[in-house]
C-alpha cells in the first residue's frame, strides 16, 4: 500500500482518534518522549520537534538560525513527505512532533481538514504570503515552493524538449525518468495537478510515457542522479531547486518549463494540534516567514513563500507558466491517482 493511501485510509482516522486521548492527557505527560532520532527527548519548553521535508541544507540553516534567535533547541527529522507521514502514523499512540513541513500542499490540506493542525492566523508576515499556498485560517503556511520542470543533461541533450508531450516521442525512448509519486510529494502534485487541469484524458500522456520507456525511478534525487551521470537524458517532473543547485555545483544539468504550463509545489508548514509547546511552535512559524528565513529560502534555489521576496538565482513565480490546477480535486483524488500511476509503471 502506498503512503498516501495508507495515510488517508488509516492514519488520519487513527491520529484523529489519538488527538482526543493525547490532548486529554497533556497535563500528566511524562518527562521524556521519543525524539525525532529515536532517542529520549525532553518535554522542556526549550525543545521543539520538527519534521521537515528538506532540502537538508536549508533545513539545517533554518534550524541553526532559529536556535540562535530564540535559544530554543530544535530536534529535527528530515525525510520525504511520504516518510514523514509514515513516521507520524507509526507514532500515533504517542505523538512527538510539534511542527511539520511537507513538500505537498494536498497532503497538508488533508491534515488540516481532519483537524490535525493548530491554527495560527496571527502569524507574522502571513499577509505577505502567496495566498494560494496557505490556509486563510492559519492552519498551514506555504513558506516556500518548487516548480516541476524538464531537467536534462546538457552534455547529451543539445536541443532540450519544450513540452511534456514531446517526451512521449521516439527521440526520447528509454531516456527519461519520472519520480515515484508514492515517494515524492512534489511528483504527486505534478501528476494530480496535470490531471486536474487536463481532465481524465490527461492519463493518455502518462500511458504514452510508459509505452516510450519512461522509468519510474524512486524519489526526486534518485530520479535526478542518473541524469547527472548520463545514464539517462531527462527527468520529467524534476524538482527545479535540485536542478538549479546541481547546475551551480558544476553538474551538467539544466531545466526548462514547458510553455503549456507546469505545476508549482508549495512546501507548507503547520503546527500539529497535539503539540505541548504551542508558543515555541508559533515562534518557529514566525521565523519561517521572517526576512532572514525567506532569504535562506531564496538562497537555496526555492521560490520564497512571501510575494515581497525575490530569488536572484532562479526563475521567479511570475516567470513560470503554470496550469490552472484545482487543489481541492488534487487533495480528493491523490490516493487513487498514486495507485493508478504506480500500477501503470510496475
C-alpha atoms as a PDB file:
ATOM      1  CA  UNK A   1       0.000   0.000   0.000  1.00  0.00           C
ATOM      2  CA  UNK A   2       1.477   3.405  -0.918  1.00  0.00           C
ATOM      3  CA  UNK A   3       1.971   6.014   1.772  1.00  0.00           C
ATOM      4  CA  UNK A   4      -0.765   8.359   0.611  1.00  0.00           C
ATOM      5  CA  UNK A   5      -3.446   5.687   0.546  1.00  0.00           C
ATOM      6  CA  UNK A   6      -2.289   4.416   3.927  1.00  0.00           C
ATOM      7  CA  UNK A   7      -2.322   7.907   5.368  1.00  0.00           C
ATOM      8  CA  UNK A   8      -5.815   8.728   4.188  1.00  0.00           C
ATOM      9  CA  UNK A   9      -7.500   5.415   4.960  1.00  0.00           C
ATOM     10  CA  UNK A  10      -5.746   4.511   8.199  1.00  0.00           C
ATOM     11  CA  UNK A  11      -3.506   7.201   9.604  1.00  0.00           C
ATOM     12  CA  UNK A  12      -5.943  10.079   9.504  1.00  0.00           C
ATOM     13  CA  UNK A  13      -8.581   8.091  11.347  1.00  0.00           C
ATOM     14  CA  UNK A  14      -6.092   6.782  13.855  1.00  0.00           C
ATOM     15  CA  UNK A  15      -4.452  10.132  14.507  1.00  0.00           C
ATOM     16  CA  UNK A  16      -7.781  11.924  14.762  1.00  0.00           C
ATOM     17  CA  UNK A  17      -8.781   9.395  17.437  1.00  0.00           C
ATOM     18  CA  UNK A  18      -5.395   9.777  19.061  1.00  0.00           C
ATOM     19  CA  UNK A  19      -5.776  13.555  19.313  1.00  0.00           C
ATOM     20  CA  UNK A  20      -8.542  13.299  21.866  1.00  0.00           C
ATOM     21  CA  UNK A  21      -6.559  10.962  24.088  1.00  0.00           C
ATOM     22  CA  UNK A  22      -3.336  12.903  23.748  1.00  0.00           C
ATOM     23  CA  UNK A  23      -4.890  16.283  24.411  1.00  0.00           C
ATOM     24  CA  UNK A  24      -6.837  14.986  27.378  1.00  0.00           C
ATOM     25  CA  UNK A  25      -3.625  13.723  28.957  1.00  0.00           C
ATOM     26  CA  UNK A  26      -1.451  16.740  28.298  1.00  0.00           C
ATOM     27  CA  UNK A  27      -1.396  17.750  31.947  1.00  0.00           C
ATOM     28  CA  UNK A  28       0.139  14.462  33.081  1.00  0.00           C
ATOM     29  CA  UNK A  29       2.664  13.785  30.355  1.00  0.00           C
ATOM     30  CA  UNK A  30       5.890  12.038  31.360  1.00  0.00           C
ATOM     31  CA  UNK A  31       9.143  13.983  31.361  1.00  0.00           C
ATOM     32  CA  UNK A  32      10.501  12.210  28.296  1.00  0.00           C
ATOM     33  CA  UNK A  33       9.180  11.213  24.895  1.00  0.00           C
ATOM     34  CA  UNK A  34      10.685   9.562  21.868  1.00  0.00           C
ATOM     35  CA  UNK A  35      12.536  12.167  19.848  1.00  0.00           C
ATOM     36  CA  UNK A  36      12.918  12.509  16.084  1.00  0.00           C
ATOM     37  CA  UNK A  37      16.058  10.412  16.091  1.00  0.00           C
ATOM     38  CA  UNK A  38      14.509   7.637  18.154  1.00  0.00           C
ATOM     39  CA  UNK A  39      16.077   8.542  21.491  1.00  0.00           C
ATOM     40  CA  UNK A  40      14.854  10.430  24.538  1.00  0.00           C
ATOM     41  CA  UNK A  41      13.667  13.988  24.100  1.00  0.00           C
ATOM     42  CA  UNK A  42      12.986  16.351  26.962  1.00  0.00           C
ATOM     43  CA  UNK A  43       9.497  17.795  27.172  1.00  0.00           C
ATOM     44  CA  UNK A  44      11.145  21.027  28.322  1.00  0.00           C
ATOM     45  CA  UNK A  45       9.721  24.253  26.949  1.00  0.00           C
ATOM     46  CA  UNK A  46      13.148  24.848  25.458  1.00  0.00           C
ATOM     47  CA  UNK A  47      12.857  21.999  22.927  1.00  0.00           C
ATOM     48  CA  UNK A  48      10.857  21.780  19.700  1.00  0.00           C
ATOM     49  CA  UNK A  49      10.487  18.690  17.488  1.00  0.00           C
ATOM     50  CA  UNK A  50      10.255  19.456  13.783  1.00  0.00           C
ATOM     51  CA  UNK A  51       9.714  17.017  10.916  1.00  0.00           C
ATOM     52  CA  UNK A  52      10.866  18.605   7.665  1.00  0.00           C
ATOM     53  CA  UNK A  53      10.802  17.504   4.036  1.00  0.00           C
ATOM     54  CA  UNK A  54      14.133  19.194   3.331  1.00  0.00           C
ATOM     55  CA  UNK A  55      16.046  20.296   1.453  1.00  0.00           C
ATOM     56  CA  UNK A  56      18.608  19.265   4.037  1.00  0.00           C
ATOM     57  CA  UNK A  57      20.929  22.248   3.687  1.00  0.00           C
ATOM     58  CA  UNK A  58      18.088  24.741   4.046  1.00  0.00           C
ATOM     59  CA  UNK A  59      16.504  22.864   6.941  1.00  0.00           C
ATOM     60  CA  UNK A  60      19.809  22.883   8.829  1.00  0.00           C
ATOM     61  CA  UNK A  61      20.299  26.623   8.254  1.00  0.00           C
ATOM     62  CA  UNK A  62      16.765  27.367   9.443  1.00  0.00           C
ATOM     63  CA  UNK A  63      17.326  25.180  12.495  1.00  0.00           C
ATOM     64  CA  UNK A  64      20.564  26.997  13.357  1.00  0.00           C
ATOM     65  CA  UNK A  65      19.083  30.434  12.704  1.00  0.00           C
ATOM     66  CA  UNK A  66      16.018  29.754  14.824  1.00  0.00           C
ATOM     67  CA  UNK A  67      18.077  28.375  17.700  1.00  0.00           C
ATOM     68  CA  UNK A  68      20.392  31.391  17.604  1.00  0.00           C
ATOM     69  CA  UNK A  69      17.490  33.831  17.562  1.00  0.00           C
ATOM     70  CA  UNK A  70      15.310  32.213  20.231  1.00  0.00           C
ATOM     71  CA  UNK A  71      17.509  29.908  22.303  1.00  0.00           C
ATOM     72  CA  UNK A  72      15.009  27.115  21.664  1.00  0.00           C
ATOM     73  CA  UNK A  73      16.585  23.751  20.778  1.00  0.00           C
ATOM     74  CA  UNK A  74      15.259  22.047  17.643  1.00  0.00           C
ATOM     75  CA  UNK A  75      15.235  18.268  17.239  1.00  0.00           C
ATOM     76  CA  UNK A  76      14.711  17.683  13.534  1.00  0.00           C
ATOM     77  CA  UNK A  77      13.839  14.634  11.474  1.00  0.00           C
ATOM     78  CA  UNK A  78      14.314  15.076   7.733  1.00  0.00           C
ATOM     79  CA  UNK A  79      12.778  12.893   5.051  1.00  0.00           C
ATOM     80  CA  UNK A  80      10.422  12.873   2.117  1.00  0.00           C
ATOM     81  CA  UNK A  81       6.781  13.795   2.617  1.00  0.00           C
ATOM     82  CA  UNK A  82       5.923  10.098   2.495  1.00  0.00           C
ATOM     83  CA  UNK A  83       8.453   9.194   5.174  1.00  0.00           C
ATOM     84  CA  UNK A  84       7.252  11.988   7.437  1.00  0.00           C
ATOM     85  CA  UNK A  85       3.613  10.954   7.172  1.00  0.00           C
ATOM     86  CA  UNK A  86       4.530   7.316   7.724  1.00  0.00           C
ATOM     87  CA  UNK A  87       6.523   8.269  10.807  1.00  0.00           C
ATOM     88  CA  UNK A  88       3.605  10.229  12.203  1.00  0.00           C
ATOM     89  CA  UNK A  89       1.344   7.235  11.613  1.00  0.00           C
ATOM     90  CA  UNK A  90       3.788   4.990  13.478  1.00  0.00           C
ATOM     91  CA  UNK A  91       3.803   7.429  16.417  1.00  0.00           C
ATOM     92  CA  UNK A  92       0.040   7.872  16.525  1.00  0.00           C
ATOM     93  CA  UNK A  93      -0.297   6.409  20.033  1.00  0.00           C
ATOM     94  CA  UNK A  94       2.406   8.719  21.413  1.00  0.00           C
ATOM     95  CA  UNK A  95       2.707  11.849  19.240  1.00  0.00           C
ATOM     96  CA  UNK A  96       6.076  13.594  19.305  1.00  0.00           C
ATOM     97  CA  UNK A  97       6.205  16.200  16.557  1.00  0.00           C
ATOM     98  CA  UNK A  98       5.365  19.875  17.157  1.00  0.00           C
ATOM     99  CA  UNK A  99       5.806  21.358  13.668  1.00  0.00           C
ATOM    100  CA  UNK A 100       5.624  19.612  10.293  1.00  0.00           C
ATOM    101  CA  UNK A 101       6.988  20.899   6.972  1.00  0.00           C
ATOM    102  CA  UNK A 102       5.826  18.951   3.912  1.00  0.00           C
ATOM    103  CA  UNK A 103       6.612  19.117   0.196  1.00  0.00           C
ATOM    104  CA  UNK A 104       2.987  18.571  -0.838  1.00  0.00           C
ATOM    105  CA  UNK A 105       0.130  21.018  -0.342  1.00  0.00           C
ATOM    106  CA  UNK A 106      -2.687  18.449  -0.818  1.00  0.00           C
ATOM    107  CA  UNK A 107      -1.205  16.262   1.929  1.00  0.00           C
ATOM    108  CA  UNK A 108      -1.199  19.230   4.290  1.00  0.00           C
ATOM    109  CA  UNK A 109      -4.746  20.116   3.242  1.00  0.00           C
ATOM    110  CA  UNK A 110      -5.828  16.619   4.277  1.00  0.00           C
ATOM    111  CA  UNK A 111      -4.233  17.038   7.689  1.00  0.00           C
ATOM    112  CA  UNK A 112      -5.943  20.390   8.129  1.00  0.00           C
ATOM    113  CA  UNK A 113      -9.367  19.106   7.068  1.00  0.00           C
ATOM    114  CA  UNK A 114      -9.079  16.241   9.551  1.00  0.00           C
ATOM    115  CA  UNK A 115      -8.365  18.634  12.394  1.00  0.00           C
ATOM    116  CA  UNK A 116      -4.732  17.678  12.945  1.00  0.00           C
ATOM    117  CA  UNK A 117      -3.331  21.207  12.713  1.00  0.00           C
ATOM    118  CA  UNK A 118      -3.393  24.079  15.200  1.00  0.00           C
ATOM    119  CA  UNK A 119      -4.497  27.379  13.612  1.00  0.00           C
ATOM    120  CA  UNK A 120      -2.211  30.379  13.973  1.00  0.00           C
ATOM    121  CA  UNK A 121      -3.970  33.130  11.979  1.00  0.00           C
ATOM    122  CA  UNK A 122      -1.916  35.922  13.534  1.00  0.00           C
ATOM    123  CA  UNK A 123       1.439  34.569  12.285  1.00  0.00           C
ATOM    124  CA  UNK A 124       3.958  37.270  11.456  1.00  0.00           C
ATOM    125  CA  UNK A 125       4.005  38.263   7.765  1.00  0.00           C
ATOM    126  CA  UNK A 126       1.106  35.926   6.920  1.00  0.00           C
ATOM    127  CA  UNK A 127      -0.455  38.744   4.892  1.00  0.00           C
ATOM    128  CA  UNK A 128       2.584  38.774   2.572  1.00  0.00           C
ATOM    129  CA  UNK A 129       2.344  35.102   1.563  1.00  0.00           C
ATOM    130  CA  UNK A 130       1.189  33.770  -1.816  1.00  0.00           C
ATOM    131  CA  UNK A 131      -2.482  33.244  -0.977  1.00  0.00           C
ATOM    132  CA  UNK A 132      -2.957  30.007  -2.933  1.00  0.00           C
ATOM    133  CA  UNK A 133      -0.157  28.316  -0.972  1.00  0.00           C
ATOM    134  CA  UNK A 134      -1.515  28.958   2.536  1.00  0.00           C
ATOM    135  CA  UNK A 135      -4.692  28.474   4.542  1.00  0.00           C
ATOM    136  CA  UNK A 136      -6.794  31.586   5.105  1.00  0.00           C
ATOM    137  CA  UNK A 137      -7.495  30.496   8.695  1.00  0.00           C
ATOM    138  CA  UNK A 138      -3.831  29.922   9.510  1.00  0.00           C
ATOM    139  CA  UNK A 139      -3.816  26.117   9.603  1.00  0.00           C
ATOM    140  CA  UNK A 140      -0.744  25.958   7.355  1.00  0.00           C
ATOM    141  CA  UNK A 141       1.678  28.338   5.660  1.00  0.00           C
ATOM    142  CA  UNK A 142       3.358  27.881   2.280  1.00  0.00           C
ATOM    143  CA  UNK A 143       6.733  29.254   3.319  1.00  0.00           C
ATOM    144  CA  UNK A 144       8.405  28.161   0.064  1.00  0.00           C
ATOM    145  CA  UNK A 145       7.755  26.258  -3.154  1.00  0.00           C
ATOM    146  CA  UNK A 146       9.377  24.470  -6.049  1.00  0.00           C
ATOM    147  CA  UNK A 147       8.239  24.166  -9.635  1.00  0.00           C
ATOM    148  CA  UNK A 148       8.303  20.977 -11.686  1.00  0.00           C
ATOM    149  CA  UNK A 149      10.101  21.054 -14.991  1.00  0.00           C
ATOM    150  CA  UNK A 150      12.043  19.065 -17.558  1.00  0.00           C
ATOM    151  CA  UNK A 151      15.587  18.575 -16.252  1.00  0.00           C
ATOM    152  CA  UNK A 152      18.143  17.435 -18.818  1.00  0.00           C
ATOM    153  CA  UNK A 153      21.816  16.528 -19.190  1.00  0.00           C
ATOM    154  CA  UNK A 154      23.457  19.368 -21.108  1.00  0.00           C
ATOM    155  CA  UNK A 155      26.259  17.156 -22.451  1.00  0.00           C
ATOM    156  CA  UNK A 156      23.858  14.696 -24.041  1.00  0.00           C
ATOM    157  CA  UNK A 157      20.943  16.951 -24.975  1.00  0.00           C
ATOM    158  CA  UNK A 158      21.677  19.720 -27.458  1.00  0.00           C
ATOM    159  CA  UNK A 159      18.066  20.756 -28.041  1.00  0.00           C
ATOM    160  CA  UNK A 160      16.016  20.232 -24.876  1.00  0.00           C
ATOM    161  CA  UNK A 161      12.367  19.165 -25.138  1.00  0.00           C
ATOM    162  CA  UNK A 162       9.932  22.056 -24.950  1.00  0.00           C
ATOM    163  CA  UNK A 163       6.737  20.261 -23.969  1.00  0.00           C
ATOM    164  CA  UNK A 164       5.579  17.375 -21.816  1.00  0.00           C
ATOM    165  CA  UNK A 165       4.153  15.653 -24.882  1.00  0.00           C
ATOM    166  CA  UNK A 166       7.493  15.728 -26.665  1.00  0.00           C
ATOM    167  CA  UNK A 167       8.891  13.265 -24.107  1.00  0.00           C
ATOM    168  CA  UNK A 168       6.500  10.627 -25.474  1.00  0.00           C
ATOM    169  CA  UNK A 169       8.146  10.695 -28.931  1.00  0.00           C
ATOM    170  CA  UNK A 170      10.677   8.202 -30.261  1.00  0.00           C
ATOM    171  CA  UNK A 171      13.571  10.646 -29.825  1.00  0.00           C
ATOM    172  CA  UNK A 172      13.317  10.162 -26.053  1.00  0.00           C
ATOM    173  CA  UNK A 173      12.559   6.453 -25.926  1.00  0.00           C
ATOM    174  CA  UNK A 174      14.147   4.822 -22.861  1.00  0.00           C
ATOM    175  CA  UNK A 175      15.931   8.076 -21.987  1.00  0.00           C
ATOM    176  CA  UNK A 176      13.562   9.560 -19.409  1.00  0.00           C
ATOM    177  CA  UNK A 177      12.969   9.139 -15.672  1.00  0.00           C
ATOM    178  CA  UNK A 178       9.977  10.319 -13.657  1.00  0.00           C
ATOM    179  CA  UNK A 179       9.860  10.337  -9.828  1.00  0.00           C
ATOM    180  CA  UNK A 180       7.618   7.904  -7.977  1.00  0.00           C
ATOM    181  CA  UNK A 181       4.545   9.781  -6.620  1.00  0.00           C
ATOM    182  CA  UNK A 182       4.268   7.333  -3.721  1.00  0.00           C
ATOM    183  CA  UNK A 183       7.680   8.609  -2.539  1.00  0.00           C
ATOM    184  CA  UNK A 184       7.727  12.201  -3.786  1.00  0.00           C
ATOM    185  CA  UNK A 185       5.082  14.698  -2.716  1.00  0.00           C
ATOM    186  CA  UNK A 186       6.099  17.121  -5.458  1.00  0.00           C
ATOM    187  CA  UNK A 187       5.824  14.418  -8.138  1.00  0.00           C
ATOM    188  CA  UNK A 188       2.353  13.612  -6.838  1.00  0.00           C
ATOM    189  CA  UNK A 189       1.499  17.312  -7.014  1.00  0.00           C
ATOM    190  CA  UNK A 190       2.610  17.396 -10.640  1.00  0.00           C
ATOM    191  CA  UNK A 191       0.640  14.334 -11.709  1.00  0.00           C
ATOM    192  CA  UNK A 192      -2.553  15.276  -9.883  1.00  0.00           C
ATOM    193  CA  UNK A 193      -2.162  18.910 -10.936  1.00  0.00           C
ATOM    194  CA  UNK A 194      -1.734  17.930 -14.564  1.00  0.00           C
ATOM    195  CA  UNK A 195      -4.830  15.732 -14.382  1.00  0.00           C
ATOM    196  CA  UNK A 196      -6.869  18.398 -12.592  1.00  0.00           C
ATOM    197  CA  UNK A 197      -6.093  20.826 -15.412  1.00  0.00           C
ATOM    198  CA  UNK A 198      -6.478  18.380 -18.320  1.00  0.00           C
ATOM    199  CA  UNK A 199      -9.203  16.040 -17.097  1.00  0.00           C
ATOM    200  CA  UNK A 200      -9.251  12.265 -17.349  1.00  0.00           C
ATOM    201  CA  UNK A 201      -7.811  12.459 -20.868  1.00  0.00           C
ATOM    202  CA  UNK A 202      -4.571  13.591 -19.209  1.00  0.00           C
ATOM    203  CA  UNK A 203      -3.867   9.941 -18.379  1.00  0.00           C
ATOM    204  CA  UNK A 204      -3.007   9.395 -22.031  1.00  0.00           C
ATOM    205  CA  UNK A 205       0.252  11.321 -21.527  1.00  0.00           C
ATOM    206  CA  UNK A 206       1.409   9.029 -18.724  1.00  0.00           C
ATOM    207  CA  UNK A 207       0.309   5.947 -20.673  1.00  0.00           C
ATOM    208  CA  UNK A 208       2.360   7.157 -23.643  1.00  0.00           C
ATOM    209  CA  UNK A 209       5.299   7.767 -21.320  1.00  0.00           C
ATOM    210  CA  UNK A 210       5.123   4.164 -20.163  1.00  0.00           C
ATOM    211  CA  UNK A 211       4.984   2.898 -23.744  1.00  0.00           C
ATOM    212  CA  UNK A 212       8.001   5.068 -24.565  1.00  0.00           C
ATOM    213  CA  UNK A 213      10.126   3.531 -21.817  1.00  0.00           C
ATOM    214  CA  UNK A 214       9.868   6.281 -19.212  1.00  0.00           C
ATOM    215  CA  UNK A 215      11.086   4.777 -15.935  1.00  0.00           C
ATOM    216  CA  UNK A 216       9.600   5.494 -12.510  1.00  0.00           C
ATOM    217  CA  UNK A 217      12.794   5.970 -10.547  1.00  0.00           C
ATOM    218  CA  UNK A 218      12.384   6.475  -6.819  1.00  0.00           C
ATOM    219  CA  UNK A 219      12.102   9.864  -5.131  1.00  0.00           C
ATOM    220  CA  UNK A 220      13.349  13.128  -6.635  1.00  0.00           C
ATOM    221  CA  UNK A 221      17.081  12.721  -6.071  1.00  0.00           C
ATOM    222  CA  UNK A 222      17.030   9.104  -7.228  1.00  0.00           C
ATOM    223  CA  UNK A 223      15.335  10.225 -10.443  1.00  0.00           C
ATOM    224  CA  UNK A 224      17.830  13.049 -10.972  1.00  0.00           C
ATOM    225  CA  UNK A 225      21.104  11.238 -10.241  1.00  0.00           C
ATOM    226  CA  UNK A 226      21.077   9.091 -13.434  1.00  0.00           C
ATOM    227  CA  UNK A 227      20.632  12.270 -15.477  1.00  0.00           C
ATOM    228  CA  UNK A 228      23.604  13.877 -13.759  1.00  0.00           C
ATOM    229  CA  UNK A 229      25.766  10.822 -14.514  1.00  0.00           C
ATOM    230  CA  UNK A 230      24.473  10.474 -18.075  1.00  0.00           C
ATOM    231  CA  UNK A 231      22.719   7.132 -17.620  1.00  0.00           C
ATOM    232  CA  UNK A 232      19.515   8.955 -18.580  1.00  0.00           C
ATOM    233  CA  UNK A 233      18.966  12.153 -20.531  1.00  0.00           C
ATOM    234  CA  UNK A 234      15.917  13.688 -18.866  1.00  0.00           C
ATOM    235  CA  UNK A 235      13.782  13.818 -15.724  1.00  0.00           C
ATOM    236  CA  UNK A 236      10.116  14.579 -16.344  1.00  0.00           C
ATOM    237  CA  UNK A 237       8.572  16.471 -13.417  1.00  0.00           C
ATOM    238  CA  UNK A 238      12.019  17.179 -11.994  1.00  0.00           C
ATOM    239  CA  UNK A 239      12.168  19.447  -8.949  1.00  0.00           C
ATOM    240  CA  UNK A 240      13.640  22.731 -10.083  1.00  0.00           C
ATOM    241  CA  UNK A 241      15.592  23.717  -6.963  1.00  0.00           C
ATOM    242  CA  UNK A 242      17.555  20.450  -7.206  1.00  0.00           C
ATOM    243  CA  UNK A 243      18.397  21.205 -10.813  1.00  0.00           C
ATOM    244  CA  UNK A 244      19.477  24.770 -10.051  1.00  0.00           C
ATOM    245  CA  UNK A 245      21.667  23.600  -7.169  1.00  0.00           C
ATOM    246  CA  UNK A 246      23.248  20.810  -9.219  1.00  0.00           C
ATOM    247  CA  UNK A 247      23.964  23.271 -12.031  1.00  0.00           C
ATOM    248  CA  UNK A 248      25.538  25.734  -9.570  1.00  0.00           C
ATOM    249  CA  UNK A 249      27.689  22.883  -8.256  1.00  0.00           C
ATOM    250  CA  UNK A 250      29.069  22.345 -11.768  1.00  0.00           C
ATOM    251  CA  UNK A 251      26.943  19.366 -12.808  1.00  0.00           C
ATOM    252  CA  UNK A 252      25.915  19.144 -16.497  1.00  0.00           C
ATOM    253  CA  UNK A 253      22.199  19.795 -15.973  1.00  0.00           C
ATOM    254  CA  UNK A 254      19.674  22.499 -16.781  1.00  0.00           C
ATOM    255  CA  UNK A 255      15.901  22.888 -16.666  1.00  0.00           C
ATOM    256  CA  UNK A 256      13.096  24.115 -18.900  1.00  0.00           C
ATOM    257  CA  UNK A 257       9.482  24.856 -18.020  1.00  0.00           C
ATOM    258  CA  UNK A 258       7.137  23.735 -20.810  1.00  0.00           C
ATOM    259  CA  UNK A 259       5.330  26.683 -22.343  1.00  0.00           C
ATOM    260  CA  UNK A 260       1.936  24.989 -21.980  1.00  0.00           C
ATOM    261  CA  UNK A 261       2.378  25.126 -18.214  1.00  0.00           C
ATOM    262  CA  UNK A 262       3.603  23.244 -15.189  1.00  0.00           C
ATOM    263  CA  UNK A 263       2.716  22.792 -11.536  1.00  0.00           C
ATOM    264  CA  UNK A 264       4.065  24.719  -8.570  1.00  0.00           C
ATOM    265  CA  UNK A 265       4.514  22.529  -5.493  1.00  0.00           C
ATOM    266  CA  UNK A 266       4.223  24.623  -2.304  1.00  0.00           C
ATOM    267  CA  UNK A 267       6.035  23.494   0.820  1.00  0.00           C
ATOM    268  CA  UNK A 268       3.643  24.180   3.700  1.00  0.00           C
ATOM    269  CA  UNK A 269       4.440  24.249   7.401  1.00  0.00           C
ATOM    270  CA  UNK A 270       1.930  23.667  10.202  1.00  0.00           C
ATOM    271  CA  UNK A 271       1.728  23.359  13.950  1.00  0.00           C
ATOM    272  CA  UNK A 272       0.417  19.956  14.983  1.00  0.00           C
ATOM    273  CA  UNK A 273      -2.569  20.097  17.323  1.00  0.00           C
ATOM    274  CA  UNK A 274      -1.069  17.730  19.891  1.00  0.00           C
ATOM    275  CA  UNK A 275       1.931  19.991  20.497  1.00  0.00           C
ATOM    276  CA  UNK A 276       2.772  20.721  24.109  1.00  0.00           C
ATOM    277  CA  UNK A 277       4.954  23.631  23.013  1.00  0.00           C
ATOM    278  CA  UNK A 278       2.448  25.913  21.326  1.00  0.00           C
ATOM    279  CA  UNK A 279       4.261  29.197  21.910  1.00  0.00           C
ATOM    280  CA  UNK A 280       7.594  27.780  20.746  1.00  0.00           C
ATOM    281  CA  UNK A 281       5.919  26.290  17.662  1.00  0.00           C
ATOM    282  CA  UNK A 282       4.398  29.682  16.849  1.00  0.00           C
ATOM    283  CA  UNK A 283       7.841  31.233  17.147  1.00  0.00           C
ATOM    284  CA  UNK A 284       9.123  28.692  14.623  1.00  0.00           C
ATOM    285  CA  UNK A 285       6.366  29.567  12.135  1.00  0.00           C
ATOM    286  CA  UNK A 286       7.123  33.269  12.620  1.00  0.00           C
ATOM    287  CA  UNK A 287      10.781  32.565  11.919  1.00  0.00           C
ATOM    288  CA  UNK A 288       9.981  30.640   8.711  1.00  0.00           C
ATOM    289  CA  UNK A 289       8.118  33.708   7.445  1.00  0.00           C
ATOM    290  CA  UNK A 290      10.754  36.209   8.579  1.00  0.00           C
ATOM    291  CA  UNK A 291      13.066  38.212   6.308  1.00  0.00           C
ATOM    292  CA  UNK A 292      16.018  36.130   7.487  1.00  0.00           C
ATOM    293  CA  UNK A 293      14.497  32.724   6.730  1.00  0.00           C
ATOM    294  CA  UNK A 294      12.922  33.833   3.461  1.00  0.00           C
ATOM    295  CA  UNK A 295      16.362  34.915   2.242  1.00  0.00           C
ATOM    296  CA  UNK A 296      17.624  31.440   3.161  1.00  0.00           C
ATOM    297  CA  UNK A 297      14.791  30.001   1.062  1.00  0.00           C
ATOM    298  CA  UNK A 298      15.782  32.107  -1.941  1.00  0.00           C
ATOM    299  CA  UNK A 299      19.464  31.248  -1.499  1.00  0.00           C
ATOM    300  CA  UNK A 300      18.508  27.527  -1.540  1.00  0.00           C
ATOM    301  CA  UNK A 301      17.068  27.938  -5.074  1.00  0.00           C
ATOM    302  CA  UNK A 302      13.469  27.632  -3.847  1.00  0.00           C
ATOM    303  CA  UNK A 303      10.634  30.061  -4.542  1.00  0.00           C
ATOM    304  CA  UNK A 304      10.076  32.239  -1.454  1.00  0.00           C
ATOM    305  CA  UNK A 305       6.638  31.997   0.097  1.00  0.00           C
ATOM    306  CA  UNK A 306       6.395  35.768   0.501  1.00  0.00           C
ATOM    307  CA  UNK A 307       5.445  37.836  -2.521  1.00  0.00           C
ATOM    308  CA  UNK A 308       7.801  40.655  -1.498  1.00  0.00           C
ATOM    309  CA  UNK A 309      10.907  38.431  -1.529  1.00  0.00           C
ATOM    310  CA  UNK A 310      12.504  37.547  -4.862  1.00  0.00           C
ATOM    311  CA  UNK A 311      15.139  34.973  -5.766  1.00  0.00           C
ATOM    312  CA  UNK A 312      18.151  36.106  -7.797  1.00  0.00           C
ATOM    313  CA  UNK A 313      19.481  32.671  -8.773  1.00  0.00           C
ATOM    314  CA  UNK A 314      16.447  31.110 -10.462  1.00  0.00           C
ATOM    315  CA  UNK A 315      13.189  31.858 -12.281  1.00  0.00           C
ATOM    316  CA  UNK A 316      10.658  33.613 -10.049  1.00  0.00           C
ATOM    317  CA  UNK A 317       6.972  32.792  -9.853  1.00  0.00           C
ATOM    318  CA  UNK A 318       5.932  35.399 -12.427  1.00  0.00           C
ATOM    319  CA  UNK A 319       8.331  33.860 -14.964  1.00  0.00           C
ATOM    320  CA  UNK A 320       6.975  30.297 -14.787  1.00  0.00           C
ATOM    321  CA  UNK A 321       3.942  29.312 -16.916  1.00  0.00           C
ATOM    322  CA  UNK A 322       1.554  27.312 -14.750  1.00  0.00           C
ATOM    323  CA  UNK A 323      -1.546  25.169 -15.180  1.00  0.00           C
ATOM    324  CA  UNK A 324      -4.804  26.297 -13.550  1.00  0.00           C
ATOM    325  CA  UNK A 325      -4.679  23.429 -11.073  1.00  0.00           C
ATOM    326  CA  UNK A 326      -7.550  22.523  -8.748  1.00  0.00           C
ATOM    327  CA  UNK A 327      -6.083  21.915  -5.303  1.00  0.00           C
ATOM    328  CA  UNK A 328      -9.309  20.536  -3.852  1.00  0.00           C
ATOM    329  CA  UNK A 329      -9.541  17.978  -6.661  1.00  0.00           C
ATOM    330  CA  UNK A 330      -5.904  17.052  -6.150  1.00  0.00           C
ATOM    331  CA  UNK A 331      -6.486  16.520  -2.445  1.00  0.00           C
ATOM    332  CA  UNK A 332      -9.562  14.350  -3.037  1.00  0.00           C
ATOM    333  CA  UNK A 333      -8.033  12.171  -5.748  1.00  0.00           C
ATOM    334  CA  UNK A 334      -4.326  11.866  -4.906  1.00  0.00           C
ATOM    335  CA  UNK A 335      -4.653   8.407  -3.323  1.00  0.00           C
ATOM    336  CA  UNK A 336      -6.375   6.878  -6.347  1.00  0.00           C
ATOM    337  CA  UNK A 337      -4.019   8.705  -8.725  1.00  0.00           C
ATOM    338  CA  UNK A 338      -0.993   7.338  -6.877  1.00  0.00           C
ATOM    339  CA  UNK A 339      -2.358   3.816  -7.027  1.00  0.00           C
ATOM    340  CA  UNK A 340      -3.228   4.018 -10.716  1.00  0.00           C
ATOM    341  CA  UNK A 341       0.110   5.597 -11.645  1.00  0.00           C
ATOM    342  CA  UNK A 342       2.274   3.138  -9.734  1.00  0.00           C
ATOM    343  CA  UNK A 343       0.256   0.194 -11.075  1.00  0.00           C
ATOM    344  CA  UNK A 344       0.795   1.525 -14.591  1.00  0.00           C
ATOM    345  CA  UNK A 345       4.564   1.698 -14.107  1.00  0.00           C
ATOM    346  CA  UNK A 346       5.051  -1.697 -12.459  1.00  0.00           C
END
